[in-house]
Protein backbone atom coordinates (compact mmCIF):
# COMPACT_ATOMS: atom_id res chain seq x y z
CA MET A 1 0.00 0.00 0.00
CA VAL A 2 2.90 2.32 0.77
CA ASN A 3 4.33 1.69 -2.72
CA THR A 4 0.91 2.39 -4.23
CA GLN A 5 0.59 5.61 -2.26
CA ALA A 6 4.11 6.66 -3.23
CA ILE A 7 3.42 6.08 -6.92
CA GLU A 8 0.13 7.93 -6.74
CA PHE A 9 1.75 10.83 -4.87
CA LYS A 10 4.56 11.08 -7.42
CA LEU A 11 2.14 11.08 -10.34
CA LEU A 12 -0.15 13.65 -8.75
CA ALA A 13 2.61 15.85 -7.35
CA SER A 14 4.30 16.22 -10.73
CA ASN A 15 1.23 18.15 -11.95
CA TYR A 16 0.51 19.99 -8.68
CA LYS A 17 -0.34 23.67 -9.18
CA GLY A 18 -1.45 24.52 -5.65
CA THR A 19 -4.81 24.87 -4.00
CA THR A 20 -6.41 27.43 -1.74
CA HIS A 21 -8.80 25.12 0.14
CA LYS A 22 -7.96 21.87 1.87
CA THR A 23 -10.49 19.58 3.45
CA PRO A 24 -9.22 16.80 5.72
CA VAL A 25 -10.62 13.39 4.91
CA HIS A 26 -10.48 10.66 7.52
CA ILE A 27 -10.17 7.24 5.96
CA LYS A 28 -10.32 4.03 7.92
CA TRP A 29 -9.46 0.57 6.68
CA TYR A 30 -11.97 -2.08 7.69
CA PRO A 31 -10.73 -5.66 7.91
CA PRO A 32 -12.50 -8.49 6.13
CA PRO A 33 -14.26 -11.24 8.11
CA SER A 34 -11.91 -13.75 9.74
CA HIS A 35 -12.17 -16.27 6.91
CA LYS A 36 -11.43 -13.79 4.08
CA TYR A 37 -8.65 -11.70 2.58
CA LYS A 38 -9.10 -8.12 1.37
CA LEU A 39 -7.75 -6.74 -1.90
CA ASN A 40 -7.40 -2.94 -1.96
CA ILE A 41 -6.73 -1.48 -5.41
CA ASP A 42 -6.18 1.96 -6.90
CA ALA A 43 -5.04 3.62 -10.09
CA SER A 44 -4.02 7.11 -11.17
CA MET A 45 -3.38 8.72 -14.54
CA ASP A 46 -2.04 11.94 -15.98
CA LYS A 47 -3.31 13.91 -18.97
CA HIS A 48 -1.10 11.84 -21.31
CA ASN A 49 -2.87 8.57 -20.36
CA THR A 50 0.17 7.38 -18.43
CA GLY A 51 -0.32 6.21 -14.91
CA GLY A 52 0.13 3.61 -12.29
CA ILE A 53 -1.84 0.83 -10.68
CA GLY A 54 -1.31 -0.85 -7.39
CA GLY A 55 -2.86 -2.95 -4.75
CA VAL A 56 -2.34 -4.87 -1.57
CA ILE A 57 -3.87 -8.00 -0.12
CA ARG A 58 -4.23 -8.17 3.67
CA ASN A 59 -5.65 -10.68 6.10
CA ASN A 60 -8.32 -9.90 8.70
CA GLY A 61 -5.63 -8.77 11.13
CA GLY A 62 -4.47 -6.10 8.70
CA ASP A 63 -1.23 -7.94 8.01
CA TRP A 64 0.22 -7.29 4.57
CA ILE A 65 0.27 -10.55 2.62
CA ILE A 66 1.36 -9.42 -0.86
CA GLY A 67 1.15 -6.34 -3.07
CA PHE A 68 1.81 -5.11 -6.58
CA PHE A 69 2.34 -1.95 -8.61
CA ASN A 70 2.94 -1.20 -12.25
CA ARG A 71 3.10 1.66 -14.72
CA ILE A 72 0.34 1.59 -17.33
CA LYS A 73 -1.13 3.28 -20.37
CA ALA A 74 -4.92 3.62 -20.27
CA HIS A 75 -7.51 5.61 -22.21
CA ASN A 76 -9.56 6.52 -19.13
CA SER A 77 -9.67 6.12 -15.37
CA THR A 78 -12.18 3.26 -15.49
CA ARG A 79 -9.85 1.29 -17.73
CA ALA A 80 -6.96 1.99 -15.34
CA GLU A 81 -9.02 0.81 -12.36
CA LEU A 82 -10.02 -2.32 -14.32
CA GLN A 83 -6.34 -3.04 -14.97
CA ALA A 84 -5.67 -2.71 -11.23
CA LEU A 85 -8.57 -5.05 -10.47
CA GLN A 86 -7.38 -7.59 -13.03
CA ALA A 87 -3.81 -7.51 -11.68
CA GLY A 88 -5.04 -7.90 -8.11
CA LEU A 89 -7.36 -10.79 -8.95
CA ASN A 90 -4.61 -12.53 -10.92
CA LEU A 91 -2.23 -12.18 -7.98
CA ALA A 92 -4.82 -13.50 -5.52
CA TYR A 93 -5.51 -16.46 -7.81
CA GLU A 94 -1.80 -17.25 -8.25
CA GLN A 95 -1.24 -17.10 -4.48
CA ARG A 96 -4.44 -19.03 -3.71
CA LEU A 97 -5.75 -16.22 -1.52
CA ALA A 98 -9.48 -16.82 -1.28
CA PRO A 99 -12.17 -15.99 -0.44
CA LEU A 100 -11.44 -12.38 -1.33
CA GLU A 101 -13.17 -9.11 -0.57
CA ILE A 102 -12.46 -6.22 -2.99
CA ASP A 103 -12.08 -2.59 -1.91
CA THR A 104 -11.81 0.27 -4.41
CA ASP A 105 -12.67 3.96 -4.54
CA SER A 106 -13.83 3.70 -8.17
CA THR A 107 -17.60 4.12 -8.33
CA ASP A 108 -17.58 2.71 -11.87
CA ILE A 109 -15.96 -0.53 -10.71
CA ILE A 110 -18.29 -0.74 -7.71
CA LYS A 111 -21.33 -0.38 -10.00
CA LEU A 112 -20.02 -3.07 -12.34
CA LEU A 113 -19.52 -5.49 -9.48
CA GLN A 114 -22.82 -4.68 -7.78
CA HIS A 115 -24.80 -5.24 -10.99
CA ASN A 116 -22.94 -8.44 -11.87
CA ILE A 117 -21.59 -6.89 -15.06
CA SER A 118 -18.35 -8.51 -16.08
CA PRO A 119 -15.46 -6.03 -16.18
CA MET A 120 -14.29 -7.99 -19.23
CA GLN A 121 -17.51 -6.97 -21.02
CA VAL A 122 -16.57 -3.33 -20.49
CA LEU A 123 -13.11 -3.96 -21.97
CA VAL A 124 -14.61 -5.80 -24.95
CA GLU A 125 -17.01 -2.92 -25.63
CA GLU A 126 -14.16 -0.42 -25.35
CA ILE A 127 -12.05 -2.40 -27.84
CA GLU A 128 -14.98 -2.68 -30.24
CA GLU A 129 -15.59 1.08 -30.04
CA SER A 130 -11.91 1.87 -30.65
CA ASN A 131 -11.90 -0.38 -33.73
CA ASP A 132 -15.12 1.11 -35.12
CA PRO A 133 -14.24 3.10 -38.28
CA ALA A 134 -17.15 5.52 -37.70
């Protein structure tokens, strides 16, 4: 998570122009039930569609089990968040970390998961649209 936060900070700070109003936000991590792991993911991008993804998997005690980060190219923030989700799920599968709870701040990803819409369907539609000659 620290690596993810460091990457996100670096990407955001490179474009920082200052602000006149700051509002503190208190964020608390909630552990999964005792029989589950929790995957926390995030992504960030700049105006050139370059960004980073990262995530961490923790147990119910908050202990860090494994994490990941990577630089990416993505056309939009939803695509970047989907790449983070895919990387996190692949890592959990490879490490046999299940059952898994997913935590993200992306409302688009939350809606997809709540409505049982496959994130892969979104990627397929995006690819089809990008290949459409219209």
